[in-house]
Amino acid sequence: MSNPTHSFKPTLSLVDATMIVAGSMIGSGIFIVSAEVARSMGSSGWMMAMWVLAGVVTLIAALSYGELSGMFPKAGGQYVYLREAYNPFIAFLFGWTQFGVIQTGTIAAVAMAFAKYLGYLAPGLGETNVLFAMPLGSWNFSVNMAQIIAILSIVLLTWINTKGVKNGKIIQTVFTFTKLFSLFGLIIFGLLIGAKAEVWNANWENAWTTANLKMVDGQLVTTALSGMAFLGAIAVSMKGTLFSSDAWNNVTFIAGEIKSPEKNIGRALFLGTFIVTIIYVAANLMYLAVLPFNEIAFAENERVGVAAAERIFGPGVGAMAIAVMIIISTFGCNNGLILSGARIYYTMAKDGLFFRKAGTLNNYDVPGTGLWIQCLWASLLCLSGKYGDLLTMVIFGVLLFYVITIIGIFVLRRTRPDIPRSYKAFGYPVLPALYVLVALSLAVLLLIYEPEYAVPGLGIILLGIPLYFVAKKEIK
C-alpha cells in the first residue's frame, strides 16, 4: 500500500494538461506519414481528406472522453473508465496491452526516432555505429549507438519524472511550446517562401482521382482504385494518420495530479486535439504548396518534412532544421508518455493486477517504481529492434479499446445515471455513435487488408486473458 503520508498532488493547470495532450500527440509522424498516405490514395484531395478525417474522428473521441473524465477524475484514466463501465477484466486487458506494447512500444519507437535524428547531426551517435553483434539462429542480434542513446533518453526522462510531477511539467510545457512554435514557423515560412503557384495548381488538377502509386525500376506505376481496393487504401492511410494523432488520451491517466480534473481534463482534451489537428492539416497544405505530389509520395526514406524544408531553406539548412525539430518534438513527446503511463500501472497495482510495488508513491508523490518498471521494458524493446512491428500490430487494439471505452458512455448513462457529470459528451448520442461506427469499420478493414498486423495485434490483447487469471491467483 502507499504510505498514507504520500498522495497525488493536483499541481497541473489547464495549460499544463493541454501541453501534455498536444505534446504526447506530436512526435515524428507529421514529418513522415504523408508519404504513405500520398502513395495509397494517389491525389492531393484524398491525402488531405485522410488527415482531416483523422482529426475529426480524434476530436469526437476526445470530446466524448470528457464525460468520462468528469465522472471519474482519478489516476489511471481510461483504465478506470473501463473498470467502472464494465469490469476489472476488460480494464486489465487494456492495462496489459498498454504496458506490454502500446505505451512502452511507443516510448521505444519515439526514443529511437530521437536517437536517429540526433545521429543525423552527429553520425557517431547513429545506427551505423554498431557496438556489438552476435548471430542468434536466424536472428542477428546487434546493438548500435542509436539504441544506447534511445535508452539513455528514456532513463533520463524517467529519472526526472521520479523527482516529482513538477519537473515533468516544466519539460513538457517548454518542449511542447517550442515544437508548436517551430511547426507553426515551418508552415508559415513554407507558405511565404517555399510555396510555388505552379506546384500548388498542378497538385490540385486531379485532386479527387484515386490510385495506388508505386515506383518500379525508376518508373511510376499507377493502379486505379475502386470498390474494396479503395476501402483498403483508406484503411492503410487512416492507420498512419490516426496513429500520428494518437496518445491524446494520456492526460486522463494523470487525473489525480490535475487541478479541477472533472472540468480541466475535458477542456484539455478538446484544446490539445484541436491545436494538433489544425497544425497537421496546415502542415500538409504546406507540403502541397512546396512539393510536387510525386515528391511527397516518394520522398527519400519517407522524410516529407525534410524534403519540404530543403525546398524552403536549402539542402543543408533545411535538413538540419527538421532534424532539430524532430529531436525537440520526440524528446517532449516521450516525456509526456513516460509521465502518464506509470499512473495506469499504479491503479492496476491498487486493484491487485500488477506488481504490488507499482502501487506505491515515492517521497515526491509519484509512482517511482511504476516509472522504473516501464523504463526497463521500454529499454528492452529498444534493444529488441521489434518495437516498430509491435506498434503496427496493436493499432487494431488501440481502435478497439477506444470503441469499447466510448460505448462505455452509453452503458454508464443506463447503469449509473446518478453519477454527477460535470461535462456531457458533445453531440451525444450521434457523435459518439458515429465514432464507434467509423473506428469499428476501420478495425474491420485492417483485419481484411492488413491481417499480418491486425491478427497478431488481436493475439497480444487475448494473451492478457490467461495473464489476468495468473495475476488474480498471485494476489490470493
Protein backbone atom coordinates (compact mmCIF):
# COMPACT_ATOMS: atom_id res chain seq x y z
CA MET A 1 0.00 0.00 0.00
CA SER A 2 1.07 3.60 -0.45
CA ASN A 3 2.46 5.42 2.54
CA PRO A 4 -0.56 7.35 3.90
CA THR A 5 1.58 10.50 4.05
CA HIS A 6 2.00 10.39 0.28
CA SER A 7 -0.74 11.11 -2.25
CA PHE A 8 -1.08 12.57 -5.72
CA LYS A 9 -0.83 16.35 -5.62
CA PRO A 10 -3.04 18.32 -8.04
CA THR A 11 -0.42 20.74 -9.37
CA LEU A 12 -1.09 20.68 -13.14
CA SER A 13 -3.08 23.58 -14.60
CA LEU A 14 -5.27 23.58 -17.70
CA VAL A 15 -2.30 24.85 -19.74
CA ASP A 16 -0.09 22.05 -18.39
CA ALA A 17 -2.74 19.43 -19.18
CA THR A 18 -3.23 20.84 -22.69
CA MET A 19 0.53 20.69 -23.29
CA ILE A 20 0.51 17.03 -22.22
CA VAL A 21 -2.26 16.28 -24.77
CA ALA A 22 -0.58 18.16 -27.62
CA GLY A 23 2.96 17.16 -26.68
CA SER A 24 2.11 13.46 -26.45
CA MET A 25 0.38 13.55 -29.84
CA ILE A 26 3.12 15.27 -31.84
CA GLY A 27 6.13 13.04 -32.41
CA SER A 28 7.73 12.40 -35.80
CA GLY A 29 4.63 11.20 -37.69
CA ILE A 30 3.70 14.55 -39.20
CA PHE A 31 7.12 14.66 -40.92
CA ILE A 32 6.84 11.14 -42.41
CA VAL A 33 3.33 9.67 -42.68
CA SER A 34 2.14 11.85 -45.57
CA ALA A 35 4.35 9.87 -47.97
CA GLU A 36 2.45 6.62 -47.33
CA VAL A 37 -0.91 8.41 -47.48
CA ALA A 38 0.02 10.02 -50.81
CA ARG A 39 1.08 6.65 -52.30
CA SER A 40 -2.03 4.89 -51.00
CA MET A 41 -4.62 7.46 -52.13
CA GLY A 42 -2.89 8.92 -55.21
CA SER A 43 -4.16 12.51 -55.09
CA SER A 44 -3.93 15.68 -53.03
CA GLY A 45 -7.64 15.89 -52.23
CA TRP A 46 -7.77 12.38 -50.80
CA MET A 47 -4.49 12.87 -48.96
CA MET A 48 -5.94 15.91 -47.22
CA ALA A 49 -9.23 14.11 -46.60
CA MET A 50 -7.39 11.39 -44.64
CA TRP A 51 -5.77 13.97 -42.36
CA VAL A 52 -9.00 15.91 -41.87
CA LEU A 53 -10.96 12.73 -41.17
CA ALA A 54 -8.35 11.60 -38.61
CA GLY A 55 -8.59 15.00 -36.92
CA VAL A 56 -12.39 14.99 -36.82
CA VAL A 57 -12.53 11.41 -35.51
CA THR A 58 -9.92 12.21 -32.83
CA LEU A 59 -11.82 15.35 -31.78
CA ILE A 60 -15.07 13.39 -31.44
CA ALA A 61 -13.33 10.78 -29.29
CA ALA A 62 -11.67 13.43 -27.13
CA LEU A 63 -14.95 15.28 -26.61
CA SER A 64 -16.63 12.00 -25.68
CA TYR A 65 -13.91 11.16 -23.15
CA GLY A 66 -14.67 14.49 -21.45
CA GLU A 67 -17.82 12.98 -19.93
CA LEU A 68 -15.92 10.01 -18.53
CA SER A 69 -13.14 12.19 -17.13
CA GLY A 70 -15.73 14.31 -15.33
CA MET A 71 -17.33 11.21 -13.80
CA PHE A 72 -14.07 9.52 -12.73
CA PRO A 73 -11.32 12.14 -12.21
CA LYS A 74 -8.87 9.55 -10.88
CA ALA A 75 -5.37 8.32 -11.67
CA GLY A 76 -5.47 5.66 -14.37
CA GLY A 77 -7.96 7.42 -16.65
CA GLN A 78 -9.12 5.10 -19.41
CA TYR A 79 -8.32 2.04 -17.28
CA VAL A 80 -10.72 3.37 -14.62
CA TYR A 81 -13.41 4.17 -17.20
CA LEU A 82 -13.33 0.59 -18.49
CA ARG A 83 -13.38 -0.87 -14.99
CA GLU A 84 -16.37 1.24 -13.95
CA ALA A 85 -18.33 0.75 -17.18
CA TYR A 86 -17.65 -2.98 -17.47
CA ASN A 87 -15.46 -4.93 -15.05
CA PRO A 88 -11.82 -5.34 -13.90
CA PHE A 89 -11.19 -7.99 -16.57
CA ILE A 90 -11.83 -5.62 -19.52
CA ALA A 91 -9.81 -2.93 -17.74
CA PHE A 92 -6.92 -5.36 -17.24
CA LEU A 93 -6.84 -6.25 -20.95
CA PHE A 94 -6.41 -2.55 -21.67
CA GLY A 95 -3.78 -2.09 -18.97
CA TRP A 96 -1.85 -5.17 -20.08
CA THR A 97 -1.82 -4.05 -23.72
CA GLN A 98 -0.71 -0.56 -22.68
CA PHE A 99 2.18 -1.90 -20.62
CA GLY A 100 3.14 -4.77 -22.90
CA VAL A 101 3.12 -2.91 -26.18
CA ILE A 102 1.23 0.36 -26.69
CA GLN A 103 2.73 2.72 -24.09
CA THR A 104 6.14 1.10 -23.81
CA GLY A 105 6.38 0.35 -27.54
CA THR A 106 5.52 3.94 -28.37
CA ILE A 107 8.12 5.18 -25.87
CA ALA A 108 10.72 2.91 -27.53
CA ALA A 109 9.77 3.99 -31.06
CA VAL A 110 9.80 7.70 -30.17
CA ALA A 111 13.15 7.32 -28.36
CA MET A 112 14.63 5.62 -31.43
CA ALA A 113 13.34 8.44 -33.67
CA PHE A 114 15.01 10.91 -31.27
CA ALA A 115 18.28 8.95 -31.46
CA LYS A 116 18.21 8.53 -35.24
CA TYR A 117 17.87 12.25 -35.86
CA LEU A 118 20.48 13.03 -33.23
CA GLY A 119 22.68 10.63 -35.21
CA TYR A 120 21.95 12.72 -38.30
CA LEU A 121 23.58 15.70 -36.58
CA ALA A 122 26.38 13.61 -35.04
CA PRO A 123 26.91 10.46 -37.16
CA GLY A 124 28.94 8.76 -34.45
CA LEU A 125 25.78 8.58 -32.33
CA GLY A 126 23.72 6.96 -35.11
CA GLU A 127 22.64 3.48 -36.17
CA THR A 128 25.67 2.92 -38.37
CA ASN A 129 27.93 2.83 -35.30
CA VAL A 130 27.42 -0.84 -34.35
CA LEU A 131 28.85 -1.60 -30.91
CA PHE A 132 28.05 -5.30 -30.63
CA ALA A 133 26.78 -8.02 -32.97
CA MET A 134 26.06 -11.69 -32.42
CA PRO A 135 24.10 -14.20 -34.55
CA LEU A 136 21.27 -15.94 -32.69
CA GLY A 137 19.98 -18.59 -35.08
CA SER A 138 18.19 -16.81 -37.90
CA TRP A 139 18.24 -13.52 -35.98
CA ASN A 140 21.30 -11.30 -35.94
CA PHE A 141 21.26 -9.53 -32.58
CA SER A 142 23.18 -6.28 -32.59
CA VAL A 143 23.42 -3.14 -30.52
CA ASN A 144 24.18 0.21 -32.11
CA MET A 145 24.87 3.64 -30.67
CA ALA A 146 21.38 4.92 -31.54
CA GLN A 147 19.83 2.22 -29.34
CA ILE A 148 22.09 3.22 -26.46
CA ILE A 149 21.19 6.92 -26.93
CA ALA A 150 17.48 6.00 -27.05
CA ILE A 151 17.74 4.02 -23.81
CA LEU A 152 19.71 6.80 -22.11
CA SER A 153 16.99 9.31 -23.10
CA ILE A 154 14.31 7.06 -21.58
CA VAL A 155 16.34 6.61 -18.39
CA LEU A 156 16.97 10.37 -18.11
CA LEU A 157 13.30 11.29 -18.56
CA THR A 158 12.22 8.55 -16.18
CA TRP A 159 14.67 9.78 -13.52
CA ILE A 160 13.44 13.37 -13.93
CA ASN A 161 9.83 12.26 -13.56
CA THR A 162 10.59 10.23 -10.42
CA LYS A 163 11.59 13.53 -8.78
CA GLY A 164 8.05 14.87 -8.88
CA VAL A 165 5.38 15.84 -11.38
CA LYS A 166 6.54 19.48 -11.36
CA ASN A 167 9.81 18.53 -13.08
CA GLY A 168 7.97 16.61 -15.79
CA LYS A 169 5.54 19.51 -16.14
CA ILE A 170 8.33 22.00 -16.83
CA ILE A 171 9.91 19.80 -19.52
CA GLN A 172 6.54 19.10 -21.11
CA THR A 173 5.44 22.72 -21.26
CA VAL A 174 8.79 24.08 -22.51
CA PHE A 175 9.32 21.41 -25.16
CA THR A 176 5.69 21.40 -26.35
CA PHE A 177 5.57 25.19 -26.74
CA THR A 178 8.91 25.01 -28.58
CA LYS A 179 7.74 22.40 -31.06
CA LEU A 180 4.37 24.11 -31.57
CA PHE A 181 6.09 27.39 -32.44
CA SER A 182 8.65 25.53 -34.58
CA LEU A 183 5.91 23.77 -36.55
CA PHE A 184 3.94 26.99 -36.99
CA GLY A 185 7.18 28.66 -38.13
CA LEU A 186 7.87 25.90 -40.67
CA ILE A 187 4.32 26.16 -42.02
CA ILE A 188 4.44 29.96 -42.28
CA PHE A 189 7.90 30.01 -43.90
CA GLY A 190 6.78 27.26 -46.27
CA LEU A 191 3.71 29.18 -47.38
CA LEU A 192 5.52 32.53 -47.62
CA ILE A 193 8.91 31.46 -49.04
CA GLY A 194 8.70 27.93 -50.40
CA ALA A 195 5.25 27.91 -51.96
CA LYS A 196 5.05 27.87 -55.75
CA ALA A 197 1.78 28.62 -57.55
CA GLU A 198 2.59 26.16 -60.36
CA VAL A 199 3.28 23.36 -57.84
CA TRP A 200 0.05 24.05 -55.92
CA ASN A 201 -2.05 24.22 -59.10
CA ALA A 202 -0.54 21.03 -60.52
CA ASN A 203 -1.16 19.17 -57.26
CA TRP A 204 -4.85 20.11 -57.32
CA GLU A 205 -5.53 19.45 -61.01
CA ASN A 206 -6.85 15.94 -60.42
CA ALA A 207 -7.45 16.30 -56.72
CA TRP A 208 -10.07 13.56 -56.35
CA THR A 209 -8.79 10.76 -58.52
CA THR A 210 -7.84 7.66 -56.56
CA ALA A 211 -4.86 5.47 -57.36
CA ASN A 212 -2.16 3.41 -55.75
CA LEU A 213 1.29 4.71 -56.65
CA LYS A 214 4.42 2.55 -56.88
CA MET A 215 7.90 3.11 -58.20
CA VAL A 216 9.15 0.08 -60.18
CA ASP A 217 12.66 0.25 -61.68
CA GLY A 218 12.55 4.01 -61.51
CA GLN A 219 9.19 4.18 -63.33
CA LEU A 220 5.95 5.36 -61.75
CA VAL A 221 3.24 2.68 -61.84
CA THR A 222 -0.32 3.86 -61.18
CA THR A 223 -3.13 1.45 -60.30
CA ALA A 224 -6.67 2.85 -60.24
CA LEU A 225 -8.64 2.23 -57.06
CA SER A 226 -12.28 1.28 -56.85
CA GLY A 227 -14.59 -0.72 -54.62
CA MET A 228 -12.89 -2.74 -51.88
CA ALA A 229 -9.40 -1.70 -53.05
CA PHE A 230 -10.40 1.91 -52.35
CA LEU A 231 -11.58 0.95 -48.85
CA GLY A 232 -8.30 -0.89 -48.29
CA ALA A 233 -6.35 2.25 -49.27
CA ILE A 234 -8.39 4.26 -46.75
CA ALA A 235 -7.57 1.70 -44.05
CA VAL A 236 -3.83 1.91 -44.76
CA SER A 237 -3.92 5.72 -44.85
CA MET A 238 -6.01 6.13 -41.73
CA LYS A 239 -3.75 3.74 -39.86
CA GLY A 240 -0.95 6.27 -40.28
CA THR A 241 -2.91 9.48 -39.76
CA LEU A 242 -4.76 8.20 -36.69
CA PHE A 243 -1.59 6.86 -35.13
CA SER A 244 0.10 10.22 -35.73
CA SER A 245 -2.78 11.75 -33.76
CA ASP A 246 -2.74 9.11 -31.02
CA ALA A 247 -1.77 9.36 -27.31
CA TRP A 248 -4.24 12.22 -26.72
CA ASN A 249 -5.82 10.03 -24.01
CA ASN A 250 -2.62 10.08 -21.91
CA VAL A 251 -3.81 13.12 -19.98
CA THR A 252 -6.62 11.02 -18.47
CA PHE A 253 -4.03 8.78 -16.80
CA ILE A 254 -2.77 11.64 -14.59
CA ALA A 255 -6.17 12.93 -13.45
CA GLY A 256 -5.10 12.77 -9.80
CA GLU A 257 -2.47 15.46 -10.43
CA ILE A 258 -4.60 17.94 -12.41
CA LYS A 259 -6.36 20.88 -10.76
CA SER A 260 -10.17 20.59 -11.04
CA PRO A 261 -9.83 17.42 -13.15
CA GLU A 262 -13.56 17.00 -13.60
CA LYS A 263 -13.51 20.17 -15.72
CA ASN A 264 -9.94 20.64 -16.93
CA ILE A 265 -9.36 17.18 -18.43
CA GLY A 266 -12.27 17.60 -20.84
CA ARG A 267 -11.11 21.09 -21.76
CA ALA A 268 -7.51 19.96 -22.24
CA LEU A 269 -8.62 17.04 -24.43
CA PHE A 270 -10.52 19.41 -26.71
CA LEU A 271 -7.89 22.17 -26.83
CA GLY A 272 -4.96 19.81 -27.32
CA THR A 273 -6.55 17.72 -30.07
CA PHE A 274 -7.91 20.82 -31.82
CA ILE A 275 -4.50 22.55 -31.85
CA VAL A 276 -2.77 19.44 -33.20
CA THR A 277 -5.45 18.87 -35.86
CA ILE A 278 -5.03 22.45 -37.12
CA ILE A 279 -1.23 22.02 -37.24
CA TYR A 280 -1.41 18.67 -39.06
CA VAL A 281 -3.84 19.93 -41.69
CA ALA A 282 -1.86 23.16 -42.19
CA ALA A 283 1.43 21.25 -42.47
CA ASN A 284 0.03 19.03 -45.22
CA LEU A 285 -1.34 22.03 -47.11
CA MET A 286 2.16 23.50 -46.88
CA TYR A 287 3.67 20.27 -48.28
CA LEU A 288 1.28 20.52 -51.25
CA ALA A 289 2.27 24.15 -51.82
CA VAL A 290 6.01 23.39 -51.74
CA LEU A 291 6.47 19.88 -53.21
CA PRO A 292 5.12 18.23 -56.36
CA PHE A 293 2.81 15.37 -55.38
CA ASN A 294 5.17 12.62 -56.51
CA GLU A 295 7.93 14.10 -54.36
CA ILE A 296 5.64 13.83 -51.37
CA ALA A 297 4.75 10.23 -52.21
CA PHE A 298 8.32 9.14 -52.87
CA ALA A 299 10.32 11.36 -50.52
CA GLU A 300 13.65 9.78 -49.61
CA ASN A 301 13.15 7.49 -46.60
CA GLU A 302 9.60 8.93 -46.46
CA ARG A 303 11.01 12.12 -44.93
CA VAL A 304 8.48 14.56 -46.39
CA GLY A 305 9.31 17.17 -43.77
CA VAL A 306 12.99 17.12 -44.75
CA ALA A 307 12.13 17.37 -48.47
CA ALA A 308 9.88 20.38 -47.80
CA ALA A 309 12.41 22.12 -45.54
CA GLU A 310 15.16 21.67 -48.14
CA ARG A 311 12.95 23.40 -50.70
CA ILE A 312 12.27 26.23 -48.25
CA PHE A 313 15.71 26.78 -46.68
CA GLY A 314 18.10 24.93 -48.97
CA PRO A 315 19.54 21.39 -48.73
CA GLY A 316 21.90 21.72 -45.76
CA VAL A 317 19.93 24.15 -43.62
CA GLY A 318 16.55 22.52 -44.32
CA ALA A 319 17.58 19.02 -43.33
CA MET A 320 19.31 20.37 -40.21
CA ALA A 321 16.21 22.38 -39.21
CA ILE A 322 13.91 19.34 -39.47
CA ALA A 323 16.40 17.17 -37.57
CA VAL A 324 16.45 19.68 -34.71
CA MET A 325 12.65 19.96 -34.76
CA ILE A 326 12.21 16.18 -34.58
CA ILE A 327 14.76 15.92 -31.76
CA ILE A 328 12.81 18.52 -29.76
CA SER A 329 9.46 17.00 -30.74
CA THR A 330 10.32 13.41 -29.84
CA PHE A 331 12.03 14.31 -26.56
CA GLY A 332 9.00 16.31 -25.41
CA CYS A 333 6.62 13.62 -26.69
CA ASN A 334 8.38 10.90 -24.70
CA ASN A 335 8.31 12.99 -21.54
CA GLY A 336 4.50 13.06 -21.73
CA LEU A 337 4.28 9.34 -22.48
CA ILE A 338 6.64 8.39 -19.63
CA LEU A 339 4.98 10.73 -17.14
CA SER A 340 1.47 9.44 -17.92
CA GLY A 341 1.96 5.71 -18.40
CA ALA A 342 3.06 4.81 -14.87
CA ARG A 343 -0.25 6.06 -13.46
CA ILE A 344 -2.07 3.19 -15.21
CA TYR A 345 0.19 0.60 -13.58
CA TYR A 346 -0.26 2.36 -10.22
CA THR A 347 -4.04 1.93 -10.41
CA MET A 348 -3.73 -1.65 -11.69
CA ALA A 349 -1.46 -2.46 -8.75
CA LYS A 350 -4.02 -0.95 -6.39
CA ASP A 351 -6.56 -3.36 -7.90
CA GLY A 352 -4.15 -6.26 -7.35
CA LEU A 353 -3.50 -6.72 -11.07
CA PHE A 354 0.10 -5.52 -11.41
CA PHE A 355 3.37 -5.66 -9.45
CA ARG A 356 2.41 -4.60 -5.93
CA LYS A 357 5.23 -2.07 -5.52
CA ALA A 358 3.99 -0.20 -8.58
CA GLY A 359 1.03 0.83 -6.41
CA THR A 360 3.17 2.95 -4.09
CA LEU A 361 4.16 6.60 -4.29
CA ASN A 362 7.69 7.75 -3.52
CA ASN A 363 8.78 10.73 -1.43
CA TYR A 364 7.96 13.01 -4.36
CA ASP A 365 4.35 11.73 -4.53
CA VAL A 366 4.78 9.96 -7.87
CA PRO A 367 4.73 6.19 -8.68
CA GLY A 368 8.52 5.81 -8.86
CA THR A 369 8.55 2.01 -9.01
CA GLY A 370 6.00 2.00 -11.85
CA LEU A 371 8.11 4.53 -13.75
CA TRP A 372 11.24 2.35 -13.47
CA ILE A 373 9.37 -0.84 -14.47
CA GLN A 374 8.06 0.99 -17.54
CA CYS A 375 11.60 2.28 -18.24
CA LEU A 376 13.07 -1.23 -18.09
CA TRP A 377 10.56 -2.77 -20.50
CA ALA A 378 10.69 0.14 -22.97
CA SER A 379 14.51 -0.09 -22.94
CA LEU A 380 14.39 -3.81 -23.69
CA LEU A 381 12.07 -3.07 -26.61
CA CYS A 382 14.67 -0.60 -27.92
CA LEU A 383 17.27 -3.36 -27.83
CA SER A 384 14.94 -5.88 -29.50
CA GLY A 385 14.53 -3.72 -32.59
CA LYS A 386 10.95 -5.04 -32.83
CA TYR A 387 9.13 -2.03 -31.35
CA GLY A 388 8.01 -0.84 -34.82
CA ASP A 389 6.45 -4.21 -35.65
CA LEU A 390 4.72 -4.33 -32.28
CA LEU A 391 3.25 -0.86 -32.74
CA THR A 392 1.92 -1.73 -36.17
CA MET A 393 0.32 -4.83 -34.69
CA VAL A 394 -1.55 -3.01 -31.92
CA ILE A 395 -3.15 -0.24 -33.97
CA PHE A 396 -6.11 -2.60 -34.29
CA GLY A 397 -6.18 -2.96 -30.50
CA VAL A 398 -5.90 0.78 -29.92
CA LEU A 399 -9.00 1.36 -32.04
CA LEU A 400 -10.83 -1.49 -30.32
CA PHE A 401 -10.23 -0.07 -26.83
CA TYR A 402 -11.28 3.42 -27.93
CA VAL A 403 -14.52 1.93 -29.26
CA ILE A 404 -15.18 -0.10 -26.10
CA THR A 405 -14.47 2.95 -23.93
CA ILE A 406 -16.86 5.21 -25.86
CA ILE A 407 -19.56 2.53 -25.81
CA GLY A 408 -19.00 2.73 -22.04
CA ILE A 409 -20.61 6.20 -22.11
CA PHE A 410 -23.85 4.59 -23.32
CA VAL A 411 -23.52 1.83 -20.73
CA LEU A 412 -22.96 4.24 -17.84
CA ARG A 413 -25.83 6.51 -18.91
CA ARG A 414 -28.08 3.48 -18.44
CA THR A 415 -26.50 1.74 -15.43
CA ARG A 416 -25.27 4.70 -13.39
CA PRO A 417 -27.36 7.73 -14.34
CA ASP A 418 -26.99 9.38 -10.91
CA ILE A 419 -23.23 9.91 -11.03
CA PRO A 420 -22.50 13.66 -11.32
CA ARG A 421 -21.40 14.63 -14.81
CA SER A 422 -19.64 17.99 -14.90
CA TYR A 423 -19.47 17.65 -18.69
CA LYS A 424 -21.56 15.60 -21.10
CA ALA A 425 -20.34 14.12 -24.35
CA PHE A 426 -20.75 16.65 -27.14
CA GLY A 427 -23.35 15.60 -29.71
CA TYR A 428 -24.50 12.58 -27.68
CA PRO A 429 -25.69 10.10 -28.86
CA VAL A 430 -25.00 10.91 -32.54
CA LEU A 431 -21.29 11.84 -32.48
CA PRO A 432 -20.12 9.08 -30.08
CA ALA A 433 -22.10 6.56 -32.15
CA LEU A 434 -20.53 7.95 -35.34
CA TYR A 435 -17.06 7.47 -33.84
CA VAL A 436 -17.88 3.87 -32.91
CA LEU A 437 -19.10 3.22 -36.46
CA VAL A 438 -16.04 4.77 -38.14
CA ALA A 439 -13.48 3.18 -35.80
CA LEU A 440 -15.11 -0.26 -35.99
CA SER A 441 -15.23 -0.05 -39.78
CA LEU A 442 -11.55 0.83 -39.88
CA ALA A 443 -10.71 -2.03 -37.49
CA VAL A 444 -12.56 -4.48 -39.75
CA LEU A 445 -10.78 -3.11 -42.83
CA LEU A 446 -7.43 -3.57 -41.08
CA LEU A 447 -8.35 -7.19 -40.33
CA ILE A 448 -9.20 -7.71 -44.01
CA TYR A 449 -6.37 -5.78 -45.68
CA GLU A 450 -3.55 -5.99 -43.14
CA PRO A 451 -4.17 -9.29 -41.34
CA GLU A 452 -0.43 -9.84 -40.90
CA TYR A 453 -0.53 -6.97 -38.39
CA ALA A 454 -4.13 -6.90 -37.11
CA VAL A 455 -4.40 -10.62 -36.25
CA PRO A 456 -1.20 -10.72 -34.15
CA GLY A 457 -2.37 -7.46 -32.56
CA LEU A 458 -5.58 -9.15 -31.51
CA GLY A 459 -3.44 -12.03 -30.25
CA ILE A 460 -1.46 -9.68 -27.99
CA ILE A 461 -4.71 -8.48 -26.42
CA LEU A 462 -6.01 -12.04 -25.99
CA LEU A 463 -2.74 -13.02 -24.30
CA GLY A 464 -4.00 -10.85 -21.46
CA ILE A 465 -6.76 -13.38 -20.68
CA PRO A 466 -4.51 -16.02 -19.06
CA LEU A 467 -2.36 -13.25 -17.56
CA TYR A 468 -5.43 -11.83 -15.81
CA PHE A 469 -6.11 -15.12 -14.05
CA VAL A 470 -2.42 -15.51 -13.19
CA ALA A 471 -2.43 -12.03 -11.67
CA LYS A 472 -5.55 -12.77 -9.63
CA LYS A 473 -4.11 -16.06 -8.41
CA GLU A 474 -0.81 -14.45 -7.41
CA ILE A 475 -2.62 -11.86 -5.32
CA LYS A 476 -4.53 -14.52 -3.45
